[in-house]
Protein backbone atom coordinates (compact mmCIF):
# COMPACT_ATOMS: atom_id res chain seq x y z
CA MET A 1 61.70 6.08 20.60
CA PHE A 2 60.62 9.26 22.34
CA LEU A 3 58.09 7.33 24.44
CA PHE A 4 60.86 5.47 26.27
CA PHE A 5 62.89 8.67 26.68
CA TYR A 6 59.83 10.25 28.31
CA VAL A 7 59.45 7.24 30.64
CA CYS A 8 63.10 7.40 31.72
CA LEU A 9 62.96 11.17 32.29
CA SER A 10 59.78 10.87 34.38
CA LEU A 11 61.26 8.12 36.54
CA VAL A 12 64.40 10.18 37.19
CA LEU A 13 62.23 13.14 38.23
CA ILE A 14 60.25 10.88 40.57
CA LEU A 15 63.49 9.67 42.16
CA LEU A 16 64.54 13.28 42.75
CA VAL A 17 61.13 14.12 44.24
CA THR A 18 61.35 11.24 46.74
CA ARG A 19 64.68 12.65 47.97
CA SER A 20 63.57 16.24 48.44
CA LYS A 21 60.91 18.28 50.22
CA VAL A 22 58.07 19.42 47.97
CA GLU A 23 57.36 23.13 48.30
CA PHE A 24 54.67 23.35 45.60
CA SER A 25 51.04 24.03 46.48
CA PHE A 26 48.49 21.36 45.61
CA ALA A 27 47.03 23.67 42.93
CA ALA A 28 50.47 23.82 41.29
CA ILE A 29 50.77 20.02 41.39
CA PHE A 30 47.35 19.59 39.75
CA THR A 31 48.25 22.17 37.08
CA LEU A 32 51.54 20.36 36.41
CA ALA A 33 49.73 17.02 36.06
CA LEU A 34 47.23 18.53 33.62
CA ALA A 35 49.91 20.34 31.59
CA LEU A 36 52.20 17.31 31.40
CA ARG A 37 49.42 15.02 30.17
CA THR A 38 48.25 17.59 27.63
CA ILE A 39 51.79 17.94 26.24
CA VAL A 40 52.07 14.14 25.88
CA LEU A 41 48.68 14.16 24.12
CA LEU A 42 49.90 16.78 21.63
CA VAL A 43 53.18 14.94 21.02
CA PHE A 44 51.36 11.64 20.40
CA LEU A 45 48.37 13.17 18.64
CA THR A 46 47.80 10.22 16.29
CA SER A 47 48.07 7.54 18.99
CA ARG A 48 44.92 5.46 19.28
CA SER A 49 43.85 1.96 20.27
CA GLU A 50 41.01 -0.44 19.57
CA ASP A 51 39.63 0.43 23.02
CA ILE A 52 39.07 4.09 22.25
CA ASN A 53 37.74 3.20 18.80
CA SER A 54 35.18 0.94 20.50
CA PHE A 55 34.11 3.85 22.73
CA ILE A 56 33.38 5.90 19.62
CA GLN A 57 31.41 3.00 18.13
CA VAL A 58 29.11 2.64 21.15
CA GLY A 59 28.60 6.40 21.16
CA GLN A 60 27.52 6.24 17.53
CA MET A 61 25.06 3.48 18.44
CA VAL A 62 23.45 5.86 20.92
CA LEU A 63 23.14 8.61 18.30
CA ASP A 64 21.73 6.13 15.78
CA LYS A 65 19.27 4.88 18.44
CA GLU A 66 20.15 1.26 17.70
CA ALA A 67 18.09 -1.31 19.61
CA GLU A 68 21.13 -3.27 20.77
CA TYR A 69 23.83 -2.82 23.38
CA GLY A 70 27.48 -2.88 22.30
CA SER A 71 29.43 -2.00 25.45
CA PHE A 72 30.99 -4.25 28.11
CA TYR A 73 30.38 -1.52 30.70
CA PHE A 74 27.41 0.32 32.15
CA PRO A 75 26.17 3.02 29.72
CA PHE A 76 28.34 5.87 31.06
CA ILE A 77 30.88 5.61 28.23
CA SER A 78 28.06 5.30 25.69
CA TYR A 79 26.53 8.57 26.88
CA LEU A 80 29.93 10.30 27.06
CA SER A 81 31.01 9.15 23.60
CA ALA A 82 27.68 10.24 22.12
CA LEU A 83 28.25 13.69 23.62
CA VAL A 84 31.73 14.10 22.09
CA LEU A 85 30.41 12.85 18.74
CA LYS A 86 27.80 15.62 18.88
CA LEU A 87 30.71 18.08 19.04
CA LYS A 88 32.77 16.48 16.25
CA ASN A 89 32.32 19.50 13.95
CA TYR A 90 34.28 21.54 16.50
CA ILE A 91 36.77 19.07 17.99
CA HIS A 92 37.84 15.52 17.09
CA PRO A 93 35.93 12.94 19.21
CA ILE A 94 39.03 10.93 20.16
CA PHE A 95 40.86 14.11 21.16
CA SER A 96 37.81 15.15 23.23
CA LEU A 97 37.65 11.79 25.02
CA LYS A 98 41.35 11.86 25.82
CA LEU A 99 41.06 15.39 27.21
CA ILE A 100 38.31 14.18 29.55
CA PHE A 101 40.38 11.16 30.59
CA ILE A 102 43.37 13.46 31.17
CA PHE A 103 41.32 15.81 33.34
CA PHE A 104 40.21 12.96 35.60
CA ASP A 105 43.70 11.46 35.71
CA SER A 106 45.00 14.83 36.89
CA LEU A 107 42.15 14.99 39.45
CA VAL A 108 43.35 11.66 40.90
CA THR A 109 46.07 13.70 42.63
CA TYR A 110 43.38 15.11 44.96
CA PRO A 111 42.22 11.87 46.66
CA ILE A 112 45.89 10.82 46.76
CA TYR A 113 46.61 14.07 48.59
CA LEU A 114 43.79 13.34 51.06
CA LEU A 115 44.55 9.63 51.58
CA SER A 116 48.24 10.30 52.17
CA GLY A 117 47.50 12.76 54.98
CA LYS A 118 47.85 15.80 52.68
CA ASN A 119 51.30 14.69 51.61
CA LYS A 120 52.21 16.75 48.54
CA THR A 121 55.10 14.46 47.65
CA SER A 122 52.70 11.59 46.97
CA ALA A 123 50.49 13.82 44.82
CA LEU A 124 53.53 15.05 42.86
CA ILE A 125 54.83 11.52 42.29
CA TYR A 126 51.48 10.59 40.77
CA ALA A 127 51.47 13.76 38.66
CA LEU A 128 54.84 12.71 37.21
CA ASN A 129 54.34 8.94 36.96
CA PRO A 130 54.44 7.78 33.32
CA ALA A 131 52.43 4.57 33.81
CA SER A 132 49.09 6.35 34.25
CA VAL A 133 49.89 8.77 31.42
CA ILE A 134 50.60 5.87 29.04
CA VAL A 135 47.28 4.17 29.84
CA THR A 136 45.28 7.41 29.66
CA VAL A 137 46.94 9.27 26.77
CA ILE A 138 48.87 6.77 24.64
CA HIS A 139 46.37 3.91 24.90
CA GLY A 140 43.28 6.04 25.47
CA GLN A 141 41.61 4.05 28.24
CA MET A 142 39.03 5.58 30.56
CA ASP A 143 40.16 3.98 33.84
CA SER A 144 41.15 7.36 35.28
CA ILE A 145 37.44 8.19 35.69
CA PRO A 146 36.41 5.22 37.87
CA LEU A 147 39.80 5.45 39.59
CA PHE A 148 39.14 9.03 40.68
CA PHE A 149 35.73 8.18 42.13
CA PHE A 150 37.02 4.95 43.72
CA LEU A 151 39.85 6.78 45.52
CA LEU A 152 37.50 9.59 46.54
CA ALA A 153 35.14 6.95 47.97
CA LEU A 154 38.08 5.55 49.96
CA ALA A 155 38.87 9.04 51.26
CA PHE A 156 35.26 9.44 52.43
CA PHE A 157 35.35 5.97 54.00
CA VAL A 158 38.54 6.72 55.94
CA LYS A 159 36.89 9.91 57.26
CA ASN A 160 33.86 7.83 58.42
CA LYS A 161 31.56 9.46 55.84
CA LEU A 162 29.99 6.17 54.81
CA SER A 163 26.95 7.57 52.97
CA ALA A 164 29.14 9.78 50.77
CA SER A 165 31.53 6.87 50.26
CA ILE A 166 28.77 4.49 49.09
CA LEU A 167 27.28 7.02 46.66
CA THR A 168 30.70 7.88 45.23
CA LEU A 169 31.53 4.19 44.93
CA SER A 170 28.23 3.66 43.12
CA LEU A 171 29.23 6.39 40.67
CA ALA A 172 32.64 4.73 40.20
CA ILE A 173 30.99 1.39 39.36
CA PHE A 174 28.65 3.13 36.91
CA THR A 175 31.62 4.53 34.97
CA LYS A 176 33.37 1.13 34.90
CA PRO A 177 32.51 -2.00 36.95
CA TRP A 178 35.98 -2.96 38.27
CA PRO A 179 35.65 -1.13 41.68
CA ILE A 180 33.18 -3.91 42.61
CA LEU A 181 36.21 -6.17 43.05
CA PHE A 182 37.44 -4.19 46.04
CA ILE A 183 34.24 -3.65 48.01
CA LEU A 184 34.67 -6.51 50.50
CA PRO A 185 37.38 -4.86 52.65
CA LEU A 186 35.13 -1.80 52.97
CA PHE A 187 32.01 -3.86 53.70
CA LYS A 188 33.85 -5.83 56.39
CA ARG A 189 34.90 -2.65 58.23
CA ALA A 190 31.71 -0.61 57.76
CA LYS A 191 29.66 -0.01 60.90
CA ASN A 192 26.37 0.43 59.03
CA LYS A 193 26.44 -2.35 56.44
CA LEU A 194 22.83 -1.66 55.45
CA LEU A 195 23.96 1.42 53.49
CA PHE A 196 25.58 -0.89 50.92
CA ILE A 197 22.11 -1.55 49.48
CA PHE A 198 22.52 1.84 47.75
CA LEU A 199 25.61 0.64 45.88
CA PRO A 200 23.67 -0.29 42.69
CA LEU A 201 21.92 3.12 42.62
CA PHE A 202 23.71 4.85 39.71
CA PRO A 203 24.47 1.74 37.61
CA LEU A 204 20.90 0.48 37.90
CA ALA A 205 19.20 3.86 37.39
CA PHE A 206 21.12 4.76 34.22
CA THR A 207 20.85 1.22 32.86
CA VAL A 208 17.06 1.36 33.23
CA ILE A 209 16.99 4.78 31.55
CA TYR A 210 19.06 3.45 28.64
CA SER A 211 16.82 0.39 28.37
CA ILE A 212 13.67 2.54 28.17
CA PHE A 213 14.97 5.10 25.68
CA TYR A 214 16.75 2.66 23.35
CA ARG A 215 14.44 -0.35 23.74
CA VAL A 216 17.23 -2.67 24.84
CA GLU A 217 16.42 -5.37 27.38
CA ILE A 218 18.13 -4.88 30.73
CA LYS A 219 19.03 -8.58 30.73
CA GLU A 220 20.91 -8.14 27.44
CA MET A 221 22.84 -5.18 28.87
CA LEU A 222 23.74 -7.01 32.08
CA ASN A 223 24.84 -10.10 30.14
CA MET A 224 27.23 -7.94 28.10
CA ILE A 225 28.64 -6.36 31.26
CA LYS A 226 28.96 -9.72 33.02
CA GLY A 227 30.73 -11.16 29.98
CA TYR A 228 33.79 -8.91 30.29
CA ARG A 229 36.66 -10.80 31.91
CA GLY A 230 39.87 -9.57 30.32
CA VAL A 231 42.07 -11.71 28.07
CA PHE A 232 42.78 -15.33 29.06
CA GLY A 233 46.34 -16.50 28.45
CA ALA A 234 47.96 -13.07 28.21
CA TRP A 235 49.56 -13.04 31.67
CA GLY A 236 50.87 -15.18 34.50
CA ILE A 237 49.37 -18.54 35.38
CA SER A 238 47.07 -18.79 32.35
CA LYS A 239 49.91 -17.95 29.97
CA ILE A 240 52.01 -20.76 31.46
CA ALA A 241 49.01 -23.13 31.28
CA LEU A 242 48.54 -22.37 27.58
CA TYR A 243 52.26 -22.83 26.89
CA LEU A 244 52.39 -26.20 28.70
CA THR A 245 49.36 -27.49 26.75
CA ASP A 246 50.71 -26.23 23.41
CA TYR A 247 47.91 -23.62 23.31
CA ASN A 248 45.27 -26.34 23.37
CA LEU A 249 43.87 -25.88 26.87
CA SER A 250 40.39 -27.26 27.48
CA PRO A 251 37.66 -24.58 27.91
CA ALA A 252 36.56 -26.48 31.03
CA ILE A 253 40.03 -25.95 32.55
CA GLU A 254 39.89 -22.26 31.62
CA GLN A 255 36.56 -21.93 33.41
CA LEU A 256 37.89 -23.85 36.42
CA LEU A 257 40.91 -21.52 36.68
CA ARG A 258 38.61 -18.50 36.62
CA ARG A 259 36.34 -19.89 39.34
CA VAL A 260 39.19 -21.02 41.59
CA PHE A 261 40.76 -17.57 41.28
CA LEU A 262 37.48 -15.79 42.05
CA ILE A 263 36.86 -17.89 45.16
CA GLY A 264 40.44 -17.40 46.34
CA PHE A 265 40.27 -13.66 45.68
CA ILE A 266 37.02 -13.26 47.64
CA VAL A 267 38.36 -15.27 50.58
CA PHE A 268 41.66 -13.35 50.65
CA SER A 269 39.97 -9.94 50.37
CA TYR A 270 37.51 -10.70 53.16
CA LEU A 271 39.79 -12.49 55.60
CA ARG A 272 42.81 -10.23 55.18
CA SER A 273 42.95 -7.87 58.14
CA ASP A 274 45.36 -4.93 58.06
CA LYS A 275 45.55 -1.85 60.20
CA LYS A 276 44.44 0.34 57.30
CA VAL A 277 41.83 -0.65 54.72
CA ILE A 278 43.90 0.87 51.91
CA VAL A 279 46.70 -1.63 52.65
CA THR A 280 44.22 -4.51 52.33
CA ILE A 281 43.10 -3.14 48.96
CA VAL A 282 46.70 -2.87 47.72
CA LEU A 283 47.38 -6.47 48.75
CA SER A 284 44.11 -7.60 47.13
CA MET A 285 45.23 -5.95 43.90
CA LEU A 286 48.61 -7.68 44.12
CA PHE A 287 46.75 -10.97 44.68
CA LEU A 288 44.81 -10.28 41.49
CA PHE A 289 47.96 -9.66 39.44
CA VAL A 290 49.66 -12.78 40.83
CA PHE A 291 46.81 -15.27 40.36
CA SER A 292 44.27 -13.88 37.88
CA PRO A 293 43.94 -16.06 34.74
CA THR A 294 42.46 -13.12 32.80
CA PHE A 295 44.23 -9.85 32.28
CA GLY A 296 44.23 -6.36 30.80
CA MET A 297 47.41 -4.29 30.80
CA GLN A 298 45.48 -1.12 31.66
CA TRP A 299 44.48 -2.73 34.97
CA PHE A 300 47.84 -1.66 36.37
CA SER A 301 46.59 1.93 36.40
CA TRP A 302 44.31 0.92 39.30
CA ILE A 303 47.14 0.04 41.64
CA VAL A 304 49.65 2.79 40.79
CA PRO A 305 48.12 5.54 43.00
CA LEU A 306 47.58 3.11 45.88
CA VAL A 307 51.20 1.97 45.73
CA ILE A 308 52.27 5.63 45.80
CA ILE A 309 50.11 6.26 48.89
CA VAL A 310 50.95 3.10 50.86
CA ARG A 311 54.53 2.71 49.59
CA PRO A 312 54.81 -1.02 50.28
CA LYS A 313 58.10 -2.88 50.09
CA LEU A 314 59.67 -2.67 46.60
CA TRP A 315 57.33 0.16 45.54
CA LYS A 316 60.00 2.14 43.67
CA ILE A 317 61.06 -0.88 41.62
CA PHE A 318 57.37 -1.53 40.91
CA LEU A 319 56.93 1.97 39.45
CA VAL A 320 59.95 1.45 37.18
CA MET A 321 58.84 -1.98 35.97
CA VAL A 322 55.18 -1.09 35.42
CA SER A 323 56.20 1.98 33.42
CA VAL A 324 58.56 0.01 31.18
CA TYR A 325 56.02 -2.79 30.72
CA LEU A 326 53.17 -0.44 29.78
CA ALA A 327 55.41 1.59 27.44
CA SER A 328 56.42 -1.64 25.69
CA GLY A 329 52.88 -2.99 25.60
CA PHE A 330 51.23 0.14 24.23
CA ALA A 331 54.06 1.35 21.95
CA TRP A 332 52.15 0.10 18.91
CA ASP A 333 49.35 2.55 19.67
CA ALA A 334 51.86 5.38 19.20
CA TYR A 335 54.14 4.02 16.48
CA ARG A 336 52.87 2.40 13.31
CA TYR A 337 56.20 0.72 12.54
CA VAL A 338 55.93 -1.27 15.79
CA LYS A 339 52.76 -2.89 14.42
CA GLU A 340 54.73 -3.88 11.31
CA MET A 341 57.07 -6.01 13.45
CA MET A 342 54.29 -7.41 15.64
CA THR A 343 55.77 -10.91 16.05
CA PHE A 344 59.12 -9.63 17.30
CA TRP A 345 57.54 -6.97 19.52
CA ASN A 346 55.15 -9.49 21.06
CA SER A 347 58.11 -11.65 22.06
CA VAL A 348 59.70 -8.61 23.73
CA ILE A 349 56.49 -7.80 25.63
CA ASN A 350 56.08 -11.44 26.70
CA ARG A 351 59.58 -11.55 28.19
CA ILE A 352 59.19 -8.23 29.99
CA GLY A 353 55.74 -9.31 31.20
CA PHE A 354 57.03 -12.63 32.55
CA LEU A 355 59.83 -10.91 34.49
CA PHE A 356 57.33 -8.36 35.80
CA TRP A 357 54.96 -11.13 36.93
CA ILE A 358 57.79 -12.85 38.82
CA PHE A 359 58.61 -9.52 40.47
CA ILE A 360 54.96 -9.03 41.51
CA ILE A 361 54.96 -12.51 43.08
CA ILE A 362 58.02 -11.49 45.12
CA MET A 363 56.44 -8.14 46.01
CA PHE A 364 53.21 -9.87 47.06
CA TYR A 365 55.09 -12.37 49.22
CA ARG A 366 57.23 -9.68 50.87
CA ASN A 367 54.22 -7.55 51.77
CA VAL A 368 51.78 -10.31 52.78
CA PHE A 369 54.10 -12.33 55.00
CA TYR A 370 56.01 -9.36 56.37
CA GLN A 371 54.45 -6.14 57.64
CA THR A 372 53.80 -3.71 54.80
CA THR A 373 56.08 -0.71 55.04
CA GLN A 374 54.29 2.60 55.39
CA GLY A 375 56.83 4.79 53.66
CA ASN A 376 54.73 7.93 53.91
CA LYS A 377 55.62 9.41 57.29
CA ASN A 378 52.89 12.01 57.10
CA ARG A 379 50.10 9.53 56.74
CA ARG A 380 47.41 9.55 59.42
């Protein structure tokens, strides 16, 4: 399959980049990222997932002025999807959404450039990395948008621009709620903690606006957003728990696993103290992938740029394994015949996923109990 050829070629190019000095300007790197993602989009023009189909559905609900809320996120994607549907006579809505996702995924190179001390090698590695391209283009997820704002908020935070950081972080949460998970390390280090009261600004304001215009209760919207947890039993500890109980695990045990994880995650994120806040966030993300009972494959797109910036122990192997895992997991979005052998392909993904989970446990252990390697010599 061409998808796996593309993954292998990209990883080889990344290896070559890590061994050479990058002479490109940042503008050239951004242009390369944009061009590469657009080419992949054109090659896999018919690739689509249930996720991007659901975005179109909630956009249609906005246009139809339905008095109900159908999204698991704040209304950003509802507004955006409604906009592209308005333009459907000129350009296909799914193509439009993917172009927007691609633009933001290419923009992610900018906060990477800033956070790595203007290291162009790190920006170029992200431009070439296939994992983010697979999530954004092949699968059609929107995580590149909150990721861009989240990383930009980190860049502001590192430069002691706390007000700008909080507002940008608020915008990130409005586009998709997951950045909330990684606020504690920032809150702990912030000198003026009172500014965090502005964190709900954009999510709350646009939720209220949606509620007024579409006559949907705010409580209903917030319950939908709170209800999103990822898939239980698709990864790691919860998958083993389901297997050991012959897929008959008590709902009470499921809930207990979720709560124990959440408490452990909060404690780890708050108590962990590293020299740089970005290292703490990387380790918090690794904690999530080791212990979380719920899971979404696209979540790996959150950690890829941070791994490229920090370059913890085993980071190169991580990039290889995450790329192979995501290519395997989202191949059925690109190839119809993969869906026709779903049972076999699921067994392949499960085996790759289990090996990847074991690797992440090792990576987490190596970087938590031994000092995280800062591979980027130009970092400040």
